[in-house]
């Protein structure tokens, strides 16, 4: 019985290491999804000349959950005559739909700031704001990918070593 508990605890340590490794990859994928969202929004606003609620809806159609629901709920909220401002709509939907993503608090705040700038100015200004936000995303993705394989191996190795250490200490 004791051996089974030791093995389970050791395997849990290994699992934690591999889960952390997978979380690093998921974070990069979430940022890449944000980049796609910005590209689609820019196309809808600038090229298709869509009104903002339509641009969010159409962009949402191209995304997977939770981003689809996030964008389409923003679109629906913008169409309601309840007087909610775009910053309030973005804040509420970010909290509801993007809570389970790997995005950091700062990244969510940057997304909200970029979204708030969409309702102001003409199409050229909106395009410029989206371009700036996308440039920051590209830079952040490049920073994370730079050492990603090493950090993933480190997490996996620490998980394995932690499991072995725990097993040896408790035996």
C-alpha atoms as a PDB file:
ATOM      1  CA  UNK A   1       0.000   0.000   0.000  1.00  0.00           C
ATOM      2  CA  UNK A   2       2.785   2.398   0.932  1.00  0.00           C
ATOM      3  CA  UNK A   3       4.555   1.719  -2.362  1.00  0.00           C
ATOM      4  CA  UNK A   4       1.385   2.493  -4.304  1.00  0.00           C
ATOM      5  CA  UNK A   5       0.999   5.848  -2.517  1.00  0.00           C
ATOM      6  CA  UNK A   6       4.671   6.681  -3.190  1.00  0.00           C
ATOM      7  CA  UNK A   7       4.291   5.841  -6.859  1.00  0.00           C
ATOM      8  CA  UNK A   8       1.114   7.879  -7.132  1.00  0.00           C
ATOM      9  CA  UNK A   9       2.751  10.898  -5.462  1.00  0.00           C
ATOM     10  CA  UNK A  10       5.811  10.575  -7.693  1.00  0.00           C
ATOM     11  CA  UNK A  11       3.687  10.316 -10.810  1.00  0.00           C
ATOM     12  CA  UNK A  12       1.724  13.359  -9.680  1.00  0.00           C
ATOM     13  CA  UNK A  13       4.974  15.367  -9.574  1.00  0.00           C
ATOM     14  CA  UNK A  14       5.823  14.188 -13.081  1.00  0.00           C
ATOM     15  CA  UNK A  15       2.307  15.103 -14.217  1.00  0.00           C
ATOM     16  CA  UNK A  16       2.631  18.590 -12.769  1.00  0.00           C
ATOM     17  CA  UNK A  17       5.852  19.122 -14.708  1.00  0.00           C
ATOM     18  CA  UNK A  18       4.277  18.015 -17.975  1.00  0.00           C
ATOM     19  CA  UNK A  19       1.132  20.070 -17.291  1.00  0.00           C
ATOM     20  CA  UNK A  20       3.228  23.196 -16.765  1.00  0.00           C
ATOM     21  CA  UNK A  21       5.039  22.432 -20.010  1.00  0.00           C
ATOM     22  CA  UNK A  22       1.721  22.160 -21.855  1.00  0.00           C
ATOM     23  CA  UNK A  23       0.535  25.419 -20.265  1.00  0.00           C
ATOM     24  CA  UNK A  24       3.512  27.255 -21.756  1.00  0.00           C
ATOM     25  CA  UNK A  25       2.534  26.069 -25.232  1.00  0.00           C
ATOM     26  CA  UNK A  26      -1.120  26.932 -24.635  1.00  0.00           C
ATOM     27  CA  UNK A  27      -0.170  30.482 -23.647  1.00  0.00           C
ATOM     28  CA  UNK A  28       1.613  30.998 -26.952  1.00  0.00           C
ATOM     29  CA  UNK A  29      -1.375  29.520 -28.831  1.00  0.00           C
ATOM     30  CA  UNK A  30      -3.735  31.931 -27.047  1.00  0.00           C
ATOM     31  CA  UNK A  31      -1.589  34.890 -28.075  1.00  0.00           C
ATOM     32  CA  UNK A  32      -1.490  33.614 -31.661  1.00  0.00           C
ATOM     33  CA  UNK A  33      -5.295  33.394 -31.583  1.00  0.00           C
ATOM     34  CA  UNK A  34      -5.458  37.023 -30.439  1.00  0.00           C
ATOM     35  CA  UNK A  35      -3.235  37.927 -33.373  1.00  0.00           C
ATOM     36  CA  UNK A  36      -5.660  36.191 -35.776  1.00  0.00           C
ATOM     37  CA  UNK A  37      -8.564  38.037 -34.163  1.00  0.00           C
ATOM     38  CA  UNK A  38      -6.826  41.361 -34.759  1.00  0.00           C
ATOM     39  CA  UNK A  39      -6.115  40.468 -38.381  1.00  0.00           C
ATOM     40  CA  UNK A  40      -9.733  39.472 -39.023  1.00  0.00           C
ATOM     41  CA  UNK A  41     -11.088  42.539 -37.224  1.00  0.00           C
ATOM     42  CA  UNK A  42      -8.804  44.786 -39.267  1.00  0.00           C
ATOM     43  CA  UNK A  43     -10.080  43.163 -42.458  1.00  0.00           C
ATOM     44  CA  UNK A  44     -13.708  43.571 -41.424  1.00  0.00           C
ATOM     45  CA  UNK A  45     -13.291  47.200 -40.357  1.00  0.00           C
ATOM     46  CA  UNK A  46     -10.974  48.469 -43.089  1.00  0.00           C
ATOM     47  CA  UNK A  47     -11.612  46.295 -46.137  1.00  0.00           C
ATOM     48  CA  UNK A  48     -15.253  45.278 -45.687  1.00  0.00           C
ATOM     49  CA  UNK A  49     -16.180  48.586 -43.982  1.00  0.00           C
ATOM     50  CA  UNK A  50     -18.353  46.654 -41.543  1.00  0.00           C
ATOM     51  CA  UNK A  51     -19.921  48.411 -38.572  1.00  0.00           C
ATOM     52  CA  UNK A  52     -18.210  47.440 -35.334  1.00  0.00           C
ATOM     53  CA  UNK A  53     -20.900  45.006 -34.080  1.00  0.00           C
ATOM     54  CA  UNK A  54     -20.851  43.207 -37.442  1.00  0.00           C
ATOM     55  CA  UNK A  55     -17.037  43.123 -37.458  1.00  0.00           C
ATOM     56  CA  UNK A  56     -16.989  41.443 -34.034  1.00  0.00           C
ATOM     57  CA  UNK A  57     -19.716  38.975 -35.071  1.00  0.00           C
ATOM     58  CA  UNK A  58     -18.027  37.969 -38.335  1.00  0.00           C
ATOM     59  CA  UNK A  59     -14.648  37.644 -36.663  1.00  0.00           C
ATOM     60  CA  UNK A  60     -16.203  35.475 -33.967  1.00  0.00           C
ATOM     61  CA  UNK A  61     -17.608  33.138 -36.627  1.00  0.00           C
ATOM     62  CA  UNK A  62     -14.038  32.293 -37.658  1.00  0.00           C
ATOM     63  CA  UNK A  63     -12.772  31.529 -34.159  1.00  0.00           C
ATOM     64  CA  UNK A  64     -13.077  28.592 -31.805  1.00  0.00           C
ATOM     65  CA  UNK A  65     -14.437  28.824 -28.279  1.00  0.00           C
ATOM     66  CA  UNK A  66     -13.988  30.661 -25.961  1.00  0.00           C
ATOM     67  CA  UNK A  67     -13.026  33.386 -28.448  1.00  0.00           C
ATOM     68  CA  UNK A  68     -16.104  32.831 -30.628  1.00  0.00           C
ATOM     69  CA  UNK A  69     -18.466  33.418 -27.727  1.00  0.00           C
ATOM     70  CA  UNK A  70     -16.335  36.320 -26.489  1.00  0.00           C
ATOM     71  CA  UNK A  71     -16.529  38.182 -29.810  1.00  0.00           C
ATOM     72  CA  UNK A  72     -20.139  37.367 -30.596  1.00  0.00           C
ATOM     73  CA  UNK A  73     -21.322  38.345 -27.113  1.00  0.00           C
ATOM     74  CA  UNK A  74     -19.506  41.668 -27.519  1.00  0.00           C
ATOM     75  CA  UNK A  75     -21.367  42.125 -30.797  1.00  0.00           C
ATOM     76  CA  UNK A  76     -24.715  41.327 -29.195  1.00  0.00           C
ATOM     77  CA  UNK A  77     -24.022  43.609 -26.225  1.00  0.00           C
ATOM     78  CA  UNK A  78     -23.107  46.474 -28.567  1.00  0.00           C
ATOM     79  CA  UNK A  79     -26.478  46.118 -30.331  1.00  0.00           C
ATOM     80  CA  UNK A  80     -28.480  46.347 -27.091  1.00  0.00           C
ATOM     81  CA  UNK A  81     -29.954  49.758 -26.332  1.00  0.00           C
ATOM     82  CA  UNK A  82     -29.046  49.610 -22.625  1.00  0.00           C
ATOM     83  CA  UNK A  83     -26.389  52.327 -22.893  1.00  0.00           C
ATOM     84  CA  UNK A  84     -23.386  50.194 -21.907  1.00  0.00           C
ATOM     85  CA  UNK A  85     -20.106  51.629 -23.059  1.00  0.00           C
ATOM     86  CA  UNK A  86     -17.631  49.623 -25.111  1.00  0.00           C
ATOM     87  CA  UNK A  87     -15.059  49.538 -22.260  1.00  0.00           C
ATOM     88  CA  UNK A  88     -17.706  48.113 -19.908  1.00  0.00           C
ATOM     89  CA  UNK A  89     -18.774  45.536 -22.504  1.00  0.00           C
ATOM     90  CA  UNK A  90     -15.175  44.470 -23.103  1.00  0.00           C
ATOM     91  CA  UNK A  91     -14.379  44.236 -19.403  1.00  0.00           C
ATOM     92  CA  UNK A  92     -17.463  42.140 -18.668  1.00  0.00           C
ATOM     93  CA  UNK A  93     -16.962  39.747 -21.583  1.00  0.00           C
ATOM     94  CA  UNK A  94     -13.249  39.373 -20.922  1.00  0.00           C
ATOM     95  CA  UNK A  95     -13.991  38.368 -17.333  1.00  0.00           C
ATOM     96  CA  UNK A  96     -16.675  35.900 -18.396  1.00  0.00           C
ATOM     97  CA  UNK A  97     -15.205  34.277 -21.505  1.00  0.00           C
ATOM     98  CA  UNK A  98     -11.439  34.561 -21.170  1.00  0.00           C
ATOM     99  CA  UNK A  99     -11.084  33.548 -17.526  1.00  0.00           C
ATOM    100  CA  UNK A 100      -9.974  30.018 -18.423  1.00  0.00           C
ATOM    101  CA  UNK A 101      -7.407  31.022 -21.033  1.00  0.00           C
ATOM    102  CA  UNK A 102      -3.671  31.212 -20.349  1.00  0.00           C
ATOM    103  CA  UNK A 103      -3.645  34.970 -20.958  1.00  0.00           C
ATOM    104  CA  UNK A 104      -2.143  37.009 -18.143  1.00  0.00           C
ATOM    105  CA  UNK A 105      -4.020  39.833 -16.458  1.00  0.00           C
ATOM    106  CA  UNK A 106      -1.840  42.358 -18.290  1.00  0.00           C
ATOM    107  CA  UNK A 107      -2.532  40.721 -21.652  1.00  0.00           C
ATOM    108  CA  UNK A 108      -6.272  40.842 -21.005  1.00  0.00           C
ATOM    109  CA  UNK A 109      -6.003  44.513 -20.061  1.00  0.00           C
ATOM    110  CA  UNK A 110      -4.070  45.259 -23.268  1.00  0.00           C
ATOM    111  CA  UNK A 111      -6.762  43.460 -25.265  1.00  0.00           C
ATOM    112  CA  UNK A 112      -9.446  45.574 -23.602  1.00  0.00           C
ATOM    113  CA  UNK A 113      -7.492  48.783 -24.287  1.00  0.00           C
ATOM    114  CA  UNK A 114      -7.076  47.844 -27.944  1.00  0.00           C
ATOM    115  CA  UNK A 115     -10.784  47.078 -28.201  1.00  0.00           C
ATOM    116  CA  UNK A 116     -11.773  50.348 -26.589  1.00  0.00           C
ATOM    117  CA  UNK A 117      -9.867  52.289 -29.233  1.00  0.00           C
ATOM    118  CA  UNK A 118     -12.004  50.731 -31.968  1.00  0.00           C
ATOM    119  CA  UNK A 119     -15.073  52.803 -31.252  1.00  0.00           C
ATOM    120  CA  UNK A 120     -13.187  56.060 -31.644  1.00  0.00           C
ATOM    121  CA  UNK A 121     -11.834  57.675 -34.769  1.00  0.00           C
ATOM    122  CA  UNK A 122     -12.157  56.834 -38.420  1.00  0.00           C
ATOM    123  CA  UNK A 123     -11.149  53.614 -40.153  1.00  0.00           C
ATOM    124  CA  UNK A 124      -7.543  54.727 -40.629  1.00  0.00           C
ATOM    125  CA  UNK A 125      -7.198  55.463 -36.900  1.00  0.00           C
ATOM    126  CA  UNK A 126      -8.781  52.136 -35.985  1.00  0.00           C
ATOM    127  CA  UNK A 127      -6.414  50.342 -38.385  1.00  0.00           C
ATOM    128  CA  UNK A 128      -3.423  52.118 -36.842  1.00  0.00           C
ATOM    129  CA  UNK A 129      -4.537  51.109 -33.339  1.00  0.00           C
ATOM    130  CA  UNK A 130      -4.982  47.488 -34.399  1.00  0.00           C
ATOM    131  CA  UNK A 131      -1.573  47.561 -36.111  1.00  0.00           C
ATOM    132  CA  UNK A 132       0.084  48.801 -32.898  1.00  0.00           C
ATOM    133  CA  UNK A 133      -1.605  46.144 -30.807  1.00  0.00           C
ATOM    134  CA  UNK A 134      -0.676  43.425 -33.294  1.00  0.00           C
ATOM    135  CA  UNK A 135       2.957  44.584 -33.258  1.00  0.00           C
ATOM    136  CA  UNK A 136       2.996  44.212 -29.454  1.00  0.00           C
ATOM    137  CA  UNK A 137       1.459  40.742 -29.781  1.00  0.00           C
ATOM    138  CA  UNK A 138       4.035  39.684 -32.368  1.00  0.00           C
ATOM    139  CA  UNK A 139       6.825  40.886 -30.103  1.00  0.00           C
ATOM    140  CA  UNK A 140       5.371  39.067 -27.076  1.00  0.00           C
ATOM    141  CA  UNK A 141       4.932  35.834 -29.064  1.00  0.00           C
ATOM    142  CA  UNK A 142       8.518  36.046 -30.315  1.00  0.00           C
ATOM    143  CA  UNK A 143       9.794  36.568 -26.749  1.00  0.00           C
ATOM    144  CA  UNK A 144       7.867  33.552 -25.479  1.00  0.00           C
ATOM    145  CA  UNK A 145       8.843  31.290 -28.370  1.00  0.00           C
ATOM    146  CA  UNK A 146      12.500  32.240 -28.079  1.00  0.00           C
ATOM    147  CA  UNK A 147      13.149  30.002 -25.095  1.00  0.00           C
ATOM    148  CA  UNK A 148      10.020  27.853 -25.227  1.00  0.00           C
ATOM    149  CA  UNK A 149      11.639  24.465 -25.926  1.00  0.00           C
ATOM    150  CA  UNK A 150      14.168  24.952 -23.136  1.00  0.00           C
ATOM    151  CA  UNK A 151      11.521  26.075 -20.635  1.00  0.00           C
ATOM    152  CA  UNK A 152       9.295  23.131 -21.562  1.00  0.00           C
ATOM    153  CA  UNK A 153      12.149  20.665 -21.092  1.00  0.00           C
ATOM    154  CA  UNK A 154      13.017  22.328 -17.790  1.00  0.00           C
ATOM    155  CA  UNK A 155       9.451  21.927 -16.507  1.00  0.00           C
ATOM    156  CA  UNK A 156       9.354  18.307 -17.596  1.00  0.00           C
ATOM    157  CA  UNK A 157      12.756  17.584 -16.091  1.00  0.00           C
ATOM    158  CA  UNK A 158      11.863  19.257 -12.804  1.00  0.00           C
ATOM    159  CA  UNK A 159       8.670  17.220 -12.646  1.00  0.00           C
ATOM    160  CA  UNK A 160      10.558  13.983 -13.214  1.00  0.00           C
ATOM    161  CA  UNK A 161      13.329  14.895 -10.769  1.00  0.00           C
ATOM    162  CA  UNK A 162      10.785  16.015  -8.175  1.00  0.00           C
ATOM    163  CA  UNK A 163       8.942  12.723  -8.508  1.00  0.00           C
ATOM    164  CA  UNK A 164      12.158  10.724  -8.146  1.00  0.00           C
ATOM    165  CA  UNK A 165      13.306  12.857  -5.215  1.00  0.00           C
ATOM    166  CA  UNK A 166       9.984  12.412  -3.450  1.00  0.00           C
ATOM    167  CA  UNK A 167      10.075   8.670  -4.044  1.00  0.00           C
ATOM    168  CA  UNK A 168      13.653   8.349  -2.725  1.00  0.00           C
ATOM    169  CA  UNK A 169      13.035  10.533   0.327  1.00  0.00           C
ATOM    170  CA  UNK A 170       9.907   8.710   1.375  1.00  0.00           C
ATOM    171  CA  UNK A 171      11.204   5.174   0.753  1.00  0.00           C
END
